[in-house]
Amino acid sequence: MADVIDTAQERADLILSAQIQAARATVAGISAMFCFDCDRPIPEERRAALPGAELCVCCKELAELNARHYRGNK
């Protein structure tokens, strides 16, 4: 017999699965061949792993660090 905690955990699992599916569905598109920031080629592995990639790994890391800095997070 399922108790309240089991029911809550099942619900949380369903919500997480739905959120993951929604995120995967929205990230669709053709990846850029060259980075929009530095014009270096984006490796085939990155373009295959991340459809819609527009930045190389280095530029993406810098963009995320800048975004975190401007939001005030450390």
N, C-alpha and C. Protein backbone atom coordinates (compact mmCIF):
# COMPACT_ATOMS: atom_id res chain seq x y z
N MET A 1 0.84 -1.19 0.00
CA MET A 1 0.00 0.00 0.00
C MET A 1 0.88 1.25 0.00
N ALA A 2 0.61 2.13 -0.92
CA ALA A 2 1.42 3.34 -1.05
C ALA A 2 0.98 4.38 -0.03
N ASP A 3 1.97 5.00 0.60
CA ASP A 3 1.65 6.07 1.53
C ASP A 3 1.84 7.43 0.85
N VAL A 4 1.69 8.47 1.60
CA VAL A 4 1.73 9.82 1.06
C VAL A 4 3.10 10.13 0.46
N ILE A 5 4.16 9.69 1.08
CA ILE A 5 5.50 9.96 0.58
C ILE A 5 5.74 9.25 -0.74
N ASP A 6 5.29 8.00 -0.87
CA ASP A 6 5.44 7.28 -2.13
C ASP A 6 4.67 7.98 -3.26
N THR A 7 3.47 8.43 -2.96
CA THR A 7 2.66 9.13 -3.95
C THR A 7 3.33 10.43 -4.37
N ALA A 8 3.87 11.16 -3.42
CA ALA A 8 4.56 12.42 -3.72
C ALA A 8 5.80 12.16 -4.58
N GLN A 9 6.53 11.09 -4.28
CA GLN A 9 7.73 10.76 -5.05
C GLN A 9 7.36 10.38 -6.49
N GLU A 10 6.30 9.61 -6.67
CA GLU A 10 5.84 9.25 -8.01
C GLU A 10 5.44 10.49 -8.80
N ARG A 11 4.75 11.40 -8.14
CA ARG A 11 4.34 12.64 -8.80
C ARG A 11 5.56 13.47 -9.19
N ALA A 12 6.55 13.57 -8.31
CA ALA A 12 7.76 14.32 -8.62
C ALA A 12 8.50 13.68 -9.80
N ASP A 13 8.54 12.36 -9.85
CA ASP A 13 9.18 11.66 -10.97
C ASP A 13 8.46 11.94 -12.29
N LEU A 14 7.14 11.95 -12.26
CA LEU A 14 6.37 12.25 -13.47
C LEU A 14 6.60 13.68 -13.94
N ILE A 15 6.62 14.61 -13.01
CA ILE A 15 6.85 16.01 -13.36
C ILE A 15 8.25 16.18 -13.96
N LEU A 16 9.26 15.54 -13.34
CA LEU A 16 10.62 15.63 -13.85
C LEU A 16 10.72 15.04 -15.25
N SER A 17 10.09 13.90 -15.47
CA SER A 17 10.10 13.29 -16.80
C SER A 17 9.46 14.19 -17.84
N ALA A 18 8.36 14.83 -17.49
CA ALA A 18 7.68 15.74 -18.41
C ALA A 18 8.56 16.95 -18.71
N GLN A 19 9.25 17.47 -17.71
CA GLN A 19 10.12 18.62 -17.92
C GLN A 19 11.31 18.26 -18.82
N ILE A 20 11.86 17.07 -18.63
CA ILE A 20 12.97 16.63 -19.47
C ILE A 20 12.52 16.48 -20.91
N GLN A 21 11.36 15.88 -21.13
CA GLN A 21 10.83 15.71 -22.48
C GLN A 21 10.56 17.06 -23.14
N ALA A 22 10.03 18.00 -22.37
CA ALA A 22 9.76 19.33 -22.92
C ALA A 22 11.05 20.03 -23.31
N ALA A 23 12.09 19.90 -22.50
CA ALA A 23 13.37 20.53 -22.80
C ALA A 23 13.99 19.91 -24.05
N ARG A 24 13.89 18.61 -24.18
CA ARG A 24 14.44 17.95 -25.36
C ARG A 24 13.68 18.34 -26.61
N ALA A 25 12.40 18.54 -26.51
CA ALA A 25 11.59 18.87 -27.67
C ALA A 25 11.87 20.29 -28.16
N THR A 26 12.19 21.20 -27.25
CA THR A 26 12.40 22.59 -27.65
C THR A 26 13.79 22.82 -28.25
N VAL A 27 14.74 21.97 -27.92
CA VAL A 27 16.09 22.12 -28.45
C VAL A 27 16.19 21.34 -29.75
N ALA A 28 15.73 21.95 -30.79
CA ALA A 28 15.79 21.31 -32.10
C ALA A 28 16.19 22.37 -33.10
N GLY A 29 17.02 22.00 -33.99
CA GLY A 29 17.46 22.93 -35.01
C GLY A 29 18.78 22.50 -35.57
N ILE A 30 19.23 23.23 -36.53
CA ILE A 30 20.49 22.92 -37.18
C ILE A 30 21.59 23.68 -36.46
N SER A 31 22.63 22.97 -36.10
CA SER A 31 23.76 23.59 -35.44
C SER A 31 24.59 24.39 -36.43
N ALA A 32 25.19 25.43 -35.93
CA ALA A 32 26.07 26.24 -36.76
C ALA A 32 27.38 25.49 -37.00
N MET A 33 27.97 25.71 -38.14
CA MET A 33 29.26 25.09 -38.45
C MET A 33 30.40 25.85 -37.77
N PHE A 34 30.21 27.16 -37.58
CA PHE A 34 31.24 28.00 -36.98
C PHE A 34 30.63 28.77 -35.81
N CYS A 35 31.43 29.00 -34.79
CA CYS A 35 31.00 29.72 -33.60
C CYS A 35 30.59 31.15 -33.98
N PHE A 36 29.47 31.61 -33.45
CA PHE A 36 29.00 32.97 -33.74
C PHE A 36 29.91 34.03 -33.13
N ASP A 37 30.62 33.70 -32.04
CA ASP A 37 31.46 34.68 -31.36
C ASP A 37 32.88 34.74 -31.91
N CYS A 38 33.52 33.57 -32.07
CA CYS A 38 34.95 33.56 -32.43
C CYS A 38 35.22 33.03 -33.84
N ASP A 39 34.22 32.57 -34.53
CA ASP A 39 34.34 32.04 -35.89
C ASP A 39 35.20 30.79 -36.02
N ARG A 40 35.49 30.12 -34.92
CA ARG A 40 36.19 28.84 -35.00
C ARG A 40 35.18 27.75 -35.34
N PRO A 41 35.62 26.68 -36.00
CA PRO A 41 34.70 25.58 -36.31
C PRO A 41 34.18 24.91 -35.04
N ILE A 42 32.90 24.56 -35.05
CA ILE A 42 32.31 23.82 -33.94
C ILE A 42 32.48 22.33 -34.27
N PRO A 43 33.08 21.55 -33.37
CA PRO A 43 33.33 20.13 -33.66
C PRO A 43 32.04 19.36 -33.94
N GLU A 44 32.16 18.39 -34.82
CA GLU A 44 31.01 17.56 -35.20
C GLU A 44 30.37 16.90 -33.98
N GLU A 45 31.19 16.47 -33.03
CA GLU A 45 30.65 15.80 -31.83
C GLU A 45 29.74 16.74 -31.05
N ARG A 46 30.13 18.00 -30.94
CA ARG A 46 29.29 18.98 -30.21
C ARG A 46 28.00 19.24 -30.96
N ARG A 47 28.11 19.39 -32.28
CA ARG A 47 26.90 19.66 -33.07
C ARG A 47 25.94 18.47 -33.02
N ALA A 48 26.47 17.25 -32.96
CA ALA A 48 25.62 16.06 -32.89
C ALA A 48 24.99 15.92 -31.50
N ALA A 49 25.76 16.24 -30.47
CA ALA A 49 25.26 16.10 -29.10
C ALA A 49 24.29 17.20 -28.70
N LEU A 50 24.44 18.37 -29.31
CA LEU A 50 23.63 19.52 -28.93
C LEU A 50 23.04 20.17 -30.18
N PRO A 51 21.92 19.65 -30.67
CA PRO A 51 21.32 20.26 -31.86
C PRO A 51 20.99 21.74 -31.61
N GLY A 52 21.34 22.56 -32.55
CA GLY A 52 21.08 23.99 -32.42
C GLY A 52 22.23 24.75 -31.79
N ALA A 53 23.38 24.09 -31.59
CA ALA A 53 24.54 24.76 -30.99
C ALA A 53 24.98 25.92 -31.87
N GLU A 54 25.23 27.06 -31.25
CA GLU A 54 25.67 28.25 -31.97
C GLU A 54 27.04 28.72 -31.53
N LEU A 55 27.50 28.21 -30.38
CA LEU A 55 28.78 28.63 -29.83
C LEU A 55 29.68 27.42 -29.59
N CYS A 56 31.00 27.63 -29.70
CA CYS A 56 31.93 26.58 -29.35
C CYS A 56 31.92 26.44 -27.82
N VAL A 57 32.58 25.41 -27.32
CA VAL A 57 32.58 25.15 -25.89
C VAL A 57 33.17 26.33 -25.11
N CYS A 58 34.29 26.85 -25.57
CA CYS A 58 34.95 27.96 -24.86
C CYS A 58 34.04 29.19 -24.77
N CYS A 59 33.46 29.57 -25.89
CA CYS A 59 32.59 30.75 -25.89
C CYS A 59 31.33 30.52 -25.07
N LYS A 60 30.79 29.31 -25.09
CA LYS A 60 29.60 29.00 -24.30
C LYS A 60 29.92 29.09 -22.81
N GLU A 61 31.08 28.57 -22.41
CA GLU A 61 31.47 28.67 -21.01
C GLU A 61 31.61 30.13 -20.58
N LEU A 62 32.24 30.94 -21.42
CA LEU A 62 32.37 32.37 -21.11
C LEU A 62 31.01 33.06 -21.02
N ALA A 63 30.11 32.72 -21.93
CA ALA A 63 28.77 33.32 -21.91
C ALA A 63 28.02 32.94 -20.63
N GLU A 64 28.16 31.67 -20.21
CA GLU A 64 27.50 31.24 -18.98
C GLU A 64 28.11 31.92 -17.75
N LEU A 65 29.44 32.07 -17.73
CA LEU A 65 30.08 32.77 -16.62
C LEU A 65 29.64 34.23 -16.56
N ASN A 66 29.57 34.88 -17.71
CA ASN A 66 29.11 36.27 -17.74
C ASN A 66 27.67 36.40 -17.29
N ALA A 67 26.82 35.49 -17.73
CA ALA A 67 25.41 35.53 -17.32
C ALA A 67 25.29 35.33 -15.82
N ARG A 68 26.07 34.40 -15.28
CA ARG A 68 26.03 34.16 -13.84
C ARG A 68 26.53 35.39 -13.08
N HIS A 69 27.58 36.02 -13.61
CA HIS A 69 28.13 37.23 -12.97
C HIS A 69 27.10 38.36 -12.95
N TYR A 70 26.43 38.58 -14.08
CA TYR A 70 25.48 39.69 -14.16
C TYR A 70 24.22 39.42 -13.35
N ARG A 71 23.91 38.15 -13.12
CA ARG A 71 22.76 37.82 -12.26
C ARG A 71 23.11 37.95 -10.79
N GLY A 72 24.42 38.03 -10.50
CA GLY A 72 24.83 38.19 -9.12
C GLY A 72 25.13 36.88 -8.42
N ASN A 73 25.11 35.76 -9.14
CA ASN A 73 25.43 34.47 -8.54
C ASN A 73 26.94 34.25 -8.59
N LYS A 74 27.42 33.47 -7.67
CA LYS A 74 28.85 33.18 -7.65
C LYS A 74 29.14 31.83 -8.23
